[in-house]
Structures are given as structure tokens and as C-alpha cells.
Amino acid sequence: MAGESLTYTTSFQSTRQFVVEQHGDAGWQKLRDAIREQHQIVLPDSFATGGWLPTIWFTTALNVGRDLFGPRDFHEKFGWAAAEYEMSWMHRIALRFTTPLWMLEHGTAYWRRAHTTGRWEVEGRKGWVRGTLHDFGVVDAGYCDSLRAWILRTCLMTGASRTFVAERTCRARGGDVCVFEGTW
């Protein structure tokens, strides 16, 4: 597994929670069965905290979930929900005293605890922020859509109103890096 892109089990736990909330335990089993049949990936029924699994398993689960359950904005809905699941009440309180710029600057440390690949560069000023993701181990447009929604939701948790986040360039759509830009 040396050099393989790995993702912390929190992301997998969020995926399971999202699917179960939307489609029940039977939906989660249906997703696991489809991933096994289509991609020879055997996802456990539940995920122990503290583990790491291949990032490609995570993005594959999201893509198969979209194919099985829809709607077209499945990835965005997941990203929004994942931010809700992954931010504890303490995080939410702390975020209320920050800005989207602060969240993205400090979110780089969170990223390093969740993924073994990818490096963020963040720049910004009052009312504007840009985050550039370099060298993430998996190139997947659906994952980028999820990440954009996750960033948007956590920015809104800071209390910033009229927040907007767009992905200006995307590796999956021909760019050299993924660039997310936000205003509030």
C-alpha cells in the first residue's frame, strides 16, 4: 500500500450514514453488493474509527451510489450532509467565531488527518478565499462536486451569509489542479 492514496474511515462512515438515512439499511447493502459485483471492492458493513482504506474505494462508493439512487446532484447532497456529520458540536461552536477564510486555512490540517495525498494552498482576504488542491491521489469529478458542497456547508457554519463556492478549475475536467473559490 506504499504510495497508495488512502482516506480515513470518517469519510466512509459519512457515506454509510448518508445512504442509510436516504435509503435505509437495505440501500447500504445494495450499494455494498453493487460495488463488490461491479468493482470487486468489498466494503465492510460498518467502519471502525482509526482505520484507513483506499481513496478509490471512497470515490467509487459515491459514484455507484449516484448511479443506484440518483439524483444527478447526489454528490453535492452527500458533501453537504458529510460536513454536517463530520463537524462535532464543538467544531460548530468554534466555527461560529471564525470566517470562511479561517476555516479553509485551518482546514488544511483537517485534510492531512483525512487523506494521505493532496496538498492545499489557501489565499484570501475579507470576503474572498481561494483554495488550490494539488496532487490528490484520485481524480474524480463527482468527488470534487462533493468537496465543493462540503466546503460551502462548513463556510456557512461560520455564520457567513450569502456564501458562494465554485470550483474554478478541476483536474477531472482538464485542469492541472482543483481550485475552489468562495465569496461571502
N, C-alpha and C. Protein backbone atom coordinates (compact mmCIF):
# COMPACT_ATOMS: atom_id res chain seq x y z
N MET A 1 0.80 -1.20 0.00
CA MET A 1 0.00 0.00 0.00
C MET A 1 0.85 1.27 0.00
N ALA A 2 2.16 1.14 -0.03
CA ALA A 2 3.02 2.31 -0.01
C ALA A 2 2.71 3.19 -1.21
N GLY A 3 2.50 4.47 -0.97
CA GLY A 3 2.21 5.41 -2.04
C GLY A 3 0.76 5.44 -2.48
N GLU A 4 -0.03 4.48 -2.03
CA GLU A 4 -1.45 4.46 -2.40
C GLU A 4 -2.19 5.57 -1.67
N SER A 5 -3.12 6.19 -2.35
CA SER A 5 -3.94 7.23 -1.75
C SER A 5 -4.95 6.58 -0.81
N LEU A 6 -4.87 6.98 0.47
CA LEU A 6 -5.76 6.42 1.48
C LEU A 6 -6.63 7.52 2.09
N THR A 7 -7.80 7.13 2.54
CA THR A 7 -8.74 8.04 3.17
C THR A 7 -9.14 7.46 4.53
N TYR A 8 -9.20 8.32 5.52
CA TYR A 8 -9.56 7.92 6.88
C TYR A 8 -11.01 7.45 6.90
N THR A 9 -11.32 6.53 7.77
CA THR A 9 -12.64 5.90 7.79
C THR A 9 -13.79 6.86 8.07
N THR A 10 -13.53 8.04 8.58
CA THR A 10 -14.60 9.00 8.81
C THR A 10 -15.39 9.26 7.52
N SER A 11 -14.70 9.37 6.40
CA SER A 11 -15.38 9.61 5.12
C SER A 11 -16.28 8.44 4.75
N PHE A 12 -15.82 7.22 5.01
CA PHE A 12 -16.63 6.04 4.75
C PHE A 12 -17.83 5.99 5.70
N GLN A 13 -17.61 6.37 6.95
CA GLN A 13 -18.71 6.41 7.91
C GLN A 13 -19.77 7.41 7.46
N SER A 14 -19.32 8.55 6.94
CA SER A 14 -20.26 9.55 6.43
C SER A 14 -21.04 9.01 5.23
N THR A 15 -20.37 8.28 4.36
CA THR A 15 -21.03 7.69 3.21
C THR A 15 -22.11 6.72 3.66
N ARG A 16 -21.75 5.85 4.60
CA ARG A 16 -22.72 4.88 5.11
C ARG A 16 -23.91 5.60 5.75
N GLN A 17 -23.63 6.59 6.59
CA GLN A 17 -24.72 7.31 7.26
C GLN A 17 -25.65 7.98 6.26
N PHE A 18 -25.07 8.61 5.24
CA PHE A 18 -25.87 9.28 4.22
C PHE A 18 -26.78 8.29 3.50
N VAL A 19 -26.22 7.18 3.06
CA VAL A 19 -27.00 6.19 2.32
C VAL A 19 -28.09 5.60 3.21
N VAL A 20 -27.76 5.26 4.45
CA VAL A 20 -28.75 4.67 5.35
C VAL A 20 -29.87 5.67 5.63
N GLU A 21 -29.53 6.94 5.85
CA GLU A 21 -30.58 7.94 6.10
C GLU A 21 -31.48 8.13 4.89
N GLN A 22 -30.93 8.05 3.70
CA GLN A 22 -31.71 8.27 2.49
C GLN A 22 -32.43 7.02 1.99
N HIS A 23 -31.80 5.83 2.20
CA HIS A 23 -32.31 4.61 1.55
C HIS A 23 -32.37 3.40 2.49
N GLY A 24 -32.14 3.61 3.76
CA GLY A 24 -32.25 2.54 4.75
C GLY A 24 -31.07 1.57 4.71
N ASP A 25 -31.10 0.63 5.64
CA ASP A 25 -30.05 -0.39 5.70
C ASP A 25 -30.02 -1.21 4.42
N ALA A 26 -31.18 -1.45 3.83
CA ALA A 26 -31.24 -2.20 2.57
C ALA A 26 -30.51 -1.45 1.45
N GLY A 27 -30.59 -0.12 1.47
CA GLY A 27 -29.88 0.68 0.48
C GLY A 27 -28.37 0.55 0.64
N TRP A 28 -27.90 0.56 1.88
CA TRP A 28 -26.46 0.39 2.13
C TRP A 28 -26.01 -0.99 1.65
N GLN A 29 -26.80 -2.02 1.92
CA GLN A 29 -26.44 -3.35 1.45
C GLN A 29 -26.45 -3.41 -0.07
N LYS A 30 -27.42 -2.76 -0.69
CA LYS A 30 -27.49 -2.71 -2.16
C LYS A 30 -26.24 -2.04 -2.73
N LEU A 31 -25.79 -0.95 -2.09
CA LEU A 31 -24.58 -0.27 -2.55
C LEU A 31 -23.36 -1.17 -2.38
N ARG A 32 -23.24 -1.82 -1.24
CA ARG A 32 -22.10 -2.72 -1.00
C ARG A 32 -22.08 -3.85 -2.03
N ASP A 33 -23.25 -4.42 -2.30
CA ASP A 33 -23.35 -5.51 -3.29
C ASP A 33 -22.94 -5.03 -4.67
N ALA A 34 -23.41 -3.85 -5.07
CA ALA A 34 -23.09 -3.32 -6.40
C ALA A 34 -21.60 -3.04 -6.54
N ILE A 35 -20.99 -2.50 -5.50
CA ILE A 35 -19.54 -2.21 -5.56
C ILE A 35 -18.75 -3.52 -5.66
N ARG A 36 -19.18 -4.52 -4.92
CA ARG A 36 -18.49 -5.82 -4.98
C ARG A 36 -18.63 -6.43 -6.38
N GLU A 37 -19.85 -6.40 -6.93
CA GLU A 37 -20.10 -7.02 -8.23
C GLU A 37 -19.44 -6.25 -9.37
N GLN A 38 -19.51 -4.92 -9.34
CA GLN A 38 -19.01 -4.11 -10.44
C GLN A 38 -17.51 -3.82 -10.36
N HIS A 39 -16.97 -3.75 -9.13
CA HIS A 39 -15.58 -3.28 -8.97
C HIS A 39 -14.71 -4.20 -8.12
N GLN A 40 -15.25 -5.32 -7.67
CA GLN A 40 -14.53 -6.27 -6.83
C GLN A 40 -13.97 -5.59 -5.56
N ILE A 41 -14.71 -4.64 -5.04
CA ILE A 41 -14.36 -3.96 -3.79
C ILE A 41 -15.33 -4.45 -2.71
N VAL A 42 -14.76 -4.95 -1.62
CA VAL A 42 -15.59 -5.45 -0.53
C VAL A 42 -15.53 -4.44 0.61
N LEU A 43 -16.60 -3.63 0.70
CA LEU A 43 -16.72 -2.67 1.80
C LEU A 43 -17.29 -3.38 3.02
N PRO A 44 -16.75 -3.09 4.19
CA PRO A 44 -17.35 -3.68 5.40
C PRO A 44 -18.74 -3.07 5.64
N ASP A 45 -19.54 -3.76 6.43
CA ASP A 45 -20.87 -3.24 6.76
C ASP A 45 -20.77 -1.95 7.57
N SER A 46 -19.77 -1.88 8.46
CA SER A 46 -19.52 -0.66 9.24
C SER A 46 -18.01 -0.45 9.29
N PHE A 47 -17.62 0.74 9.72
CA PHE A 47 -16.20 1.12 9.67
C PHE A 47 -15.71 1.51 11.06
N ALA A 48 -14.67 0.84 11.50
CA ALA A 48 -14.08 1.17 12.79
C ALA A 48 -13.33 2.50 12.69
N THR A 49 -13.46 3.31 13.71
CA THR A 49 -12.72 4.57 13.75
C THR A 49 -11.23 4.25 13.89
N GLY A 50 -10.43 5.00 13.20
CA GLY A 50 -8.99 4.83 13.31
C GLY A 50 -8.36 4.10 12.15
N GLY A 51 -9.16 3.69 11.18
CA GLY A 51 -8.62 2.95 10.05
C GLY A 51 -8.51 3.79 8.79
N TRP A 52 -7.81 3.24 7.84
CA TRP A 52 -7.62 3.87 6.53
C TRP A 52 -7.97 2.86 5.46
N LEU A 53 -8.60 3.33 4.39
CA LEU A 53 -8.94 2.50 3.25
C LEU A 53 -8.57 3.25 1.98
N PRO A 54 -8.43 2.54 0.87
CA PRO A 54 -8.07 3.21 -0.39
C PRO A 54 -9.08 4.30 -0.78
N THR A 55 -8.56 5.44 -1.16
CA THR A 55 -9.41 6.56 -1.57
C THR A 55 -10.28 6.17 -2.76
N ILE A 56 -9.76 5.36 -3.65
CA ILE A 56 -10.53 4.94 -4.82
C ILE A 56 -11.79 4.18 -4.39
N TRP A 57 -11.76 3.49 -3.25
CA TRP A 57 -12.96 2.82 -2.74
C TRP A 57 -14.01 3.86 -2.37
N PHE A 58 -13.56 4.94 -1.76
CA PHE A 58 -14.47 6.01 -1.33
C PHE A 58 -15.14 6.66 -2.55
N THR A 59 -14.34 7.07 -3.53
CA THR A 59 -14.92 7.74 -4.70
C THR A 59 -15.78 6.77 -5.51
N THR A 60 -15.39 5.51 -5.55
CA THR A 60 -16.20 4.50 -6.24
C THR A 60 -17.55 4.33 -5.54
N ALA A 61 -17.55 4.31 -4.21
CA ALA A 61 -18.81 4.19 -3.47
C ALA A 61 -19.73 5.35 -3.79
N LEU A 62 -19.19 6.56 -3.86
CA LEU A 62 -20.02 7.73 -4.18
C LEU A 62 -20.59 7.63 -5.60
N ASN A 63 -19.75 7.23 -6.54
CA ASN A 63 -20.21 7.15 -7.93
C ASN A 63 -21.25 6.04 -8.12
N VAL A 64 -21.04 4.90 -7.49
CA VAL A 64 -22.02 3.82 -7.59
C VAL A 64 -23.31 4.24 -6.88
N GLY A 65 -23.19 4.95 -5.75
CA GLY A 65 -24.36 5.46 -5.05
C GLY A 65 -25.18 6.38 -5.94
N ARG A 66 -24.52 7.26 -6.66
CA ARG A 66 -25.23 8.15 -7.60
C ARG A 66 -25.94 7.33 -8.68
N ASP A 67 -25.24 6.32 -9.21
CA ASP A 67 -25.83 5.50 -10.27
C ASP A 67 -27.04 4.71 -9.76
N LEU A 68 -26.97 4.22 -8.53
CA LEU A 68 -28.06 3.42 -7.97
C LEU A 68 -29.25 4.26 -7.54
N PHE A 69 -28.97 5.37 -6.87
CA PHE A 69 -30.02 6.10 -6.19
C PHE A 69 -30.36 7.45 -6.81
N GLY A 70 -29.41 8.03 -7.61
CA GLY A 70 -29.65 9.38 -8.07
C GLY A 70 -29.81 10.28 -6.87
N PRO A 71 -30.23 11.46 -6.99
CA PRO A 71 -30.44 12.22 -8.23
C PRO A 71 -29.10 12.68 -8.81
N ARG A 72 -29.20 13.50 -9.87
CA ARG A 72 -27.97 13.98 -10.51
C ARG A 72 -27.06 14.70 -9.53
N ASP A 73 -27.63 15.37 -8.54
CA ASP A 73 -26.80 16.10 -7.58
C ASP A 73 -26.50 15.28 -6.32
N PHE A 74 -26.45 13.96 -6.47
CA PHE A 74 -26.13 13.05 -5.37
C PHE A 74 -24.84 13.47 -4.66
N HIS A 75 -23.80 13.75 -5.44
CA HIS A 75 -22.50 14.12 -4.85
C HIS A 75 -22.61 15.38 -3.99
N GLU A 76 -23.31 16.39 -4.50
CA GLU A 76 -23.46 17.63 -3.75
C GLU A 76 -24.25 17.40 -2.46
N LYS A 77 -25.31 16.63 -2.56
CA LYS A 77 -26.12 16.33 -1.36
C LYS A 77 -25.28 15.57 -0.34
N PHE A 78 -24.46 14.64 -0.82
CA PHE A 78 -23.58 13.92 0.09
C PHE A 78 -22.58 14.87 0.75
N GLY A 79 -21.95 15.74 -0.03
CA GLY A 79 -20.95 16.65 0.53
C GLY A 79 -21.52 17.54 1.62
N TRP A 80 -22.71 18.05 1.39
CA TRP A 80 -23.40 18.89 2.37
C TRP A 80 -23.65 18.08 3.65
N ALA A 81 -24.20 16.87 3.48
CA ALA A 81 -24.50 16.02 4.63
C ALA A 81 -23.22 15.59 5.35
N ALA A 82 -22.17 15.28 4.61
CA ALA A 82 -20.91 14.85 5.23
C ALA A 82 -20.34 15.95 6.13
N ALA A 83 -20.45 17.20 5.70
CA ALA A 83 -19.98 18.31 6.56
C ALA A 83 -20.78 18.32 7.86
N GLU A 84 -22.07 18.08 7.77
CA GLU A 84 -22.92 18.02 8.96
C GLU A 84 -22.48 16.88 9.88
N TYR A 85 -22.22 15.72 9.31
CA TYR A 85 -21.84 14.55 10.11
C TYR A 85 -20.47 14.74 10.75
N GLU A 86 -19.54 15.31 10.00
CA GLU A 86 -18.14 15.33 10.43
C GLU A 86 -17.80 16.48 11.37
N MET A 87 -18.63 17.49 11.43
CA MET A 87 -18.36 18.61 12.35
C MET A 87 -19.10 18.36 13.66
N SER A 88 -18.34 18.13 14.71
CA SER A 88 -18.95 17.92 16.02
C SER A 88 -19.56 19.22 16.52
N TRP A 89 -20.34 19.14 17.57
CA TRP A 89 -20.95 20.36 18.12
C TRP A 89 -19.86 21.33 18.56
N MET A 90 -18.71 20.82 19.02
CA MET A 90 -17.61 21.72 19.41
C MET A 90 -17.05 22.45 18.19
N HIS A 91 -16.88 21.71 17.09
CA HIS A 91 -16.42 22.35 15.86
C HIS A 91 -17.39 23.45 15.43
N ARG A 92 -18.68 23.16 15.51
CA ARG A 92 -19.70 24.11 15.08
C ARG A 92 -19.67 25.38 15.91
N ILE A 93 -19.49 25.23 17.21
CA ILE A 93 -19.39 26.41 18.08
C ILE A 93 -18.15 27.21 17.71
N ALA A 94 -17.03 26.53 17.56
CA ALA A 94 -15.79 27.23 17.21
C ALA A 94 -15.91 27.94 15.86
N LEU A 95 -16.53 27.28 14.89
CA LEU A 95 -16.68 27.88 13.56
C LEU A 95 -17.49 29.17 13.60
N ARG A 96 -18.43 29.28 14.52
CA ARG A 96 -19.26 30.49 14.60
C ARG A 96 -18.44 31.73 14.92
N PHE A 97 -17.24 31.56 15.42
CA PHE A 97 -16.38 32.69 15.78
C PHE A 97 -15.26 32.89 14.76
N THR A 98 -15.42 32.32 13.58
CA THR A 98 -14.39 32.41 12.55
C THR A 98 -15.00 32.94 11.25
N THR A 99 -14.22 32.86 10.19
CA THR A 99 -14.68 33.24 8.85
C THR A 99 -14.41 32.07 7.89
N PRO A 100 -14.99 32.09 6.70
CA PRO A 100 -14.66 31.06 5.72
C PRO A 100 -13.15 31.01 5.41
N LEU A 101 -12.48 32.15 5.41
CA LEU A 101 -11.03 32.16 5.17
C LEU A 101 -10.33 31.38 6.28
N TRP A 102 -10.67 31.67 7.52
CA TRP A 102 -10.06 30.94 8.64
C TRP A 102 -10.34 29.46 8.52
N MET A 103 -11.59 29.10 8.18
CA MET A 103 -11.97 27.69 8.07
C MET A 103 -11.13 26.99 7.01
N LEU A 104 -10.94 27.61 5.86
CA LEU A 104 -10.17 26.96 4.80
C LEU A 104 -8.69 26.89 5.17
N GLU A 105 -8.16 27.96 5.76
CA GLU A 105 -6.74 27.94 6.17
C GLU A 105 -6.48 26.83 7.18
N HIS A 106 -7.36 26.68 8.15
CA HIS A 106 -7.17 25.66 9.17
C HIS A 106 -7.69 24.30 8.74
N GLY A 107 -8.51 24.29 7.71
CA GLY A 107 -9.00 23.03 7.17
C GLY A 107 -7.91 22.20 6.52
N THR A 108 -6.80 22.83 6.17
CA THR A 108 -5.69 22.07 5.58
C THR A 108 -5.16 21.03 6.56
N ALA A 109 -5.15 21.34 7.85
CA ALA A 109 -4.72 20.36 8.86
C ALA A 109 -5.74 19.22 8.95
N TYR A 110 -7.03 19.56 8.85
CA TYR A 110 -8.07 18.53 8.85
C TYR A 110 -7.87 17.61 7.65
N TRP A 111 -7.56 18.17 6.50
CA TRP A 111 -7.34 17.38 5.29
C TRP A 111 -6.23 16.36 5.51
N ARG A 112 -5.13 16.78 6.10
CA ARG A 112 -3.99 15.88 6.33
C ARG A 112 -4.35 14.73 7.28
N ARG A 113 -5.35 14.95 8.13
CA ARG A 113 -5.80 13.87 9.02
C ARG A 113 -6.80 12.95 8.33
N ALA A 114 -7.31 13.36 7.17
CA ALA A 114 -8.33 12.58 6.47
C ALA A 114 -7.83 11.91 5.19
N HIS A 115 -6.73 12.40 4.62
CA HIS A 115 -6.22 11.88 3.35
C HIS A 115 -4.70 11.81 3.37
N THR A 116 -4.15 10.78 2.74
CA THR A 116 -2.69 10.65 2.68
C THR A 116 -2.10 11.36 1.48
N THR A 117 -2.93 11.83 0.56
CA THR A 117 -2.42 12.57 -0.59
C THR A 117 -3.16 13.89 -0.70
N GLY A 118 -2.59 14.78 -1.48
CA GLY A 118 -3.19 16.10 -1.68
C GLY A 118 -2.58 17.14 -0.76
N ARG A 119 -2.38 18.31 -1.32
CA ARG A 119 -1.80 19.43 -0.57
C ARG A 119 -2.55 20.69 -0.94
N TRP A 120 -2.99 21.45 0.07
CA TRP A 120 -3.75 22.67 -0.15
C TRP A 120 -2.89 23.90 -0.04
N GLU A 121 -3.14 24.87 -0.92
CA GLU A 121 -2.63 26.23 -0.80
C GLU A 121 -3.86 27.12 -0.68
N VAL A 122 -3.86 28.00 0.31
CA VAL A 122 -5.01 28.86 0.56
C VAL A 122 -4.56 30.31 0.54
N GLU A 123 -5.35 31.14 -0.11
CA GLU A 123 -5.11 32.58 -0.10
C GLU A 123 -6.45 33.27 0.02
N GLY A 124 -6.45 34.46 0.56
CA GLY A 124 -7.71 35.16 0.67
C GLY A 124 -7.58 36.50 1.33
N ARG A 125 -8.70 37.14 1.41
CA ARG A 125 -8.84 38.42 2.09
C ARG A 125 -10.29 38.51 2.54
N LYS A 126 -10.64 39.55 3.21
CA LYS A 126 -12.01 39.67 3.71
C LYS A 126 -13.02 39.53 2.57
N GLY A 127 -13.90 38.54 2.71
CA GLY A 127 -14.96 38.34 1.73
C GLY A 127 -14.60 37.46 0.54
N TRP A 128 -13.34 36.97 0.46
CA TRP A 128 -12.93 36.16 -0.68
C TRP A 128 -11.86 35.16 -0.25
N VAL A 129 -11.95 33.93 -0.77
CA VAL A 129 -10.95 32.91 -0.47
C VAL A 129 -10.78 32.00 -1.68
N ARG A 130 -9.56 31.53 -1.85
CA ARG A 130 -9.27 30.55 -2.90
C ARG A 130 -8.43 29.44 -2.29
N GLY A 131 -8.86 28.21 -2.52
CA GLY A 131 -8.11 27.04 -2.08
C GLY A 131 -7.74 26.20 -3.29
N THR A 132 -6.47 25.88 -3.41
CA THR A 132 -5.98 25.09 -4.53
C THR A 132 -5.50 23.74 -4.00
N LEU A 133 -6.08 22.67 -4.53
CA LEU A 133 -5.72 21.31 -4.13
C LEU A 133 -4.78 20.73 -5.18
N HIS A 134 -3.58 20.40 -4.72
CA HIS A 134 -2.55 19.82 -5.58
C HIS A 134 -2.39 18.33 -5.25
N ASP A 135 -2.16 17.53 -6.27
CA ASP A 135 -1.65 16.16 -6.12
C ASP A 135 -2.53 15.22 -5.31
N PHE A 136 -3.85 15.40 -5.34
CA PHE A 136 -4.71 14.43 -4.68
C PHE A 136 -4.62 13.13 -5.47
N GLY A 137 -4.60 12.00 -4.79
CA GLY A 137 -4.32 10.71 -5.40
C GLY A 137 -5.39 10.16 -6.31
N VAL A 138 -6.59 10.72 -6.29
CA VAL A 138 -7.68 10.25 -7.15
C VAL A 138 -8.26 11.45 -7.89
N VAL A 139 -8.46 11.29 -9.18
CA VAL A 139 -9.08 12.34 -9.99
C VAL A 139 -10.51 11.90 -10.28
N ASP A 140 -11.49 12.65 -9.74
CA ASP A 140 -12.88 12.23 -9.88
C ASP A 140 -13.78 13.46 -9.78
N ALA A 141 -14.51 13.75 -10.83
CA ALA A 141 -15.37 14.94 -10.87
C ALA A 141 -16.45 14.90 -9.80
N GLY A 142 -17.04 13.75 -9.58
CA GLY A 142 -18.07 13.63 -8.55
C GLY A 142 -17.53 13.95 -7.17
N TYR A 143 -16.32 13.48 -6.89
CA TYR A 143 -15.73 13.80 -5.59
C TYR A 143 -15.51 15.31 -5.47
N CYS A 144 -15.07 15.95 -6.53
CA CYS A 144 -14.89 17.40 -6.49
C CYS A 144 -16.21 18.10 -6.20
N ASP A 145 -17.30 17.61 -6.79
CA ASP A 145 -18.62 18.19 -6.50
C ASP A 145 -18.97 18.02 -5.03
N SER A 146 -18.65 16.86 -4.46
CA SER A 146 -18.88 16.62 -3.03
C SER A 146 -18.04 17.56 -2.18
N LEU A 147 -16.78 17.72 -2.56
CA LEU A 147 -15.87 18.57 -1.80
C LEU A 147 -16.32 20.03 -1.85
N ARG A 148 -16.77 20.49 -3.01
CA ARG A 148 -17.27 21.87 -3.10
C ARG A 148 -18.45 22.08 -2.16
N ALA A 149 -19.38 21.13 -2.12
CA ALA A 149 -20.54 21.24 -1.23
C ALA A 149 -20.11 21.17 0.23
N TRP A 150 -19.12 20.34 0.54
CA TRP A 150 -18.61 20.23 1.92
C TRP A 150 -18.00 21.57 2.34
N ILE A 151 -17.21 22.17 1.46
CA ILE A 151 -16.60 23.47 1.76
C ILE A 151 -17.69 24.52 1.96
N LEU A 152 -18.67 24.55 1.07
CA LEU A 152 -19.76 25.52 1.19
C LEU A 152 -20.47 25.36 2.54
N ARG A 153 -20.82 24.13 2.91
CA ARG A 153 -21.55 23.92 4.16
C ARG A 153 -20.71 24.36 5.36
N THR A 154 -19.43 24.03 5.39
CA THR A 154 -18.61 24.43 6.53
C THR A 154 -18.41 25.94 6.55
N CYS A 155 -18.33 26.58 5.39
CA CYS A 155 -18.26 28.05 5.36
C CYS A 155 -19.53 28.65 5.95
N LEU A 156 -20.67 28.09 5.62
CA LEU A 156 -21.93 28.59 6.17
C LEU A 156 -22.00 28.39 7.68
N MET A 157 -21.32 27.36 8.18
CA MET A 157 -21.28 27.13 9.62
C MET A 157 -20.57 28.25 10.38
N THR A 158 -19.78 29.05 9.65
CA THR A 158 -19.11 30.18 10.30
C THR A 158 -20.09 31.33 10.54
N GLY A 159 -21.27 31.23 9.95
CA GLY A 159 -22.25 32.29 10.08
C GLY A 159 -22.22 33.27 8.92
N ALA A 160 -21.32 33.03 7.97
CA ALA A 160 -21.25 33.91 6.80
C ALA A 160 -22.50 33.74 5.95
N SER A 161 -23.14 34.83 5.66
CA SER A 161 -24.35 34.75 4.83
C SER A 161 -23.98 35.00 3.37
N ARG A 162 -24.88 34.65 2.50
CA ARG A 162 -24.68 34.83 1.06
C ARG A 162 -23.34 34.25 0.59
N THR A 163 -23.00 33.11 1.12
CA THR A 163 -21.75 32.45 0.75
C THR A 163 -21.93 31.72 -0.57
N PHE A 164 -20.90 31.78 -1.41
CA PHE A 164 -20.89 31.11 -2.71
C PHE A 164 -19.54 30.44 -2.86
N VAL A 165 -19.52 29.16 -3.28
CA VAL A 165 -18.27 28.44 -3.53
C VAL A 165 -18.39 27.79 -4.90
N ALA A 166 -17.38 27.98 -5.74
CA ALA A 166 -17.34 27.37 -7.07
C ALA A 166 -16.00 26.69 -7.26
N GLU A 167 -16.00 25.66 -8.07
CA GLU A 167 -14.73 25.05 -8.47
C GLU A 167 -14.36 25.68 -9.81
N ARG A 168 -13.31 26.50 -9.79
CA ARG A 168 -12.91 27.25 -10.98
C ARG A 168 -12.15 26.40 -11.98
N THR A 169 -11.29 25.52 -11.49
CA THR A 169 -10.63 24.55 -12.37
C THR A 169 -10.66 23.20 -11.65
N CYS A 170 -10.64 22.13 -12.45
CA CYS A 170 -10.78 20.78 -11.89
C CYS A 170 -9.91 19.82 -12.70
N ARG A 171 -9.14 19.01 -12.02
CA ARG A 171 -8.31 18.02 -12.71
C ARG A 171 -9.16 17.05 -13.52
N ALA A 172 -10.32 16.67 -12.98
CA ALA A 172 -11.19 15.72 -13.69
C ALA A 172 -11.82 16.33 -14.93
N ARG A 173 -11.77 17.67 -15.01
CA ARG A 173 -12.35 18.37 -16.15
C ARG A 173 -11.28 19.07 -16.98
N GLY A 174 -10.03 18.57 -16.86
CA GLY A 174 -8.96 19.05 -17.71
C GLY A 174 -7.96 20.01 -17.09
N GLY A 175 -8.14 20.42 -15.85
CA GLY A 175 -7.21 21.34 -15.21
C GLY A 175 -5.99 20.61 -14.63
N ASP A 176 -4.98 21.39 -14.30
CA ASP A 176 -3.77 20.84 -13.67
C ASP A 176 -3.96 20.62 -12.17
N VAL A 177 -4.84 21.43 -11.57
CA VAL A 177 -5.14 21.38 -10.14
C VAL A 177 -6.63 21.63 -9.97
N CYS A 178 -7.13 21.42 -8.77
CA CYS A 178 -8.51 21.78 -8.45
C CYS A 178 -8.48 23.08 -7.66
N VAL A 179 -9.20 24.08 -8.13
CA VAL A 179 -9.24 25.39 -7.49
C VAL A 179 -10.66 25.69 -7.09
N PHE A 180 -10.84 25.92 -5.78
CA PHE A 180 -12.15 26.27 -5.23
C PHE A 180 -12.08 27.73 -4.78
N GLU A 181 -13.04 28.50 -5.19
CA GLU A 181 -13.07 29.91 -4.85
C GLU A 181 -14.40 30.24 -4.22
N GLY A 182 -14.33 31.03 -3.14
CA GLY A 182 -15.55 31.37 -2.44
C GLY A 182 -15.64 32.84 -2.09
N THR A 183 -16.86 33.33 -1.99
CA THR A 183 -17.11 34.69 -1.54
C THR A 183 -18.18 34.64 -0.47
N TRP A 184 -18.19 35.66 0.39
CA TRP A 184 -19.23 35.78 1.42
C TRP A 184 -19.43 37.22 1.77
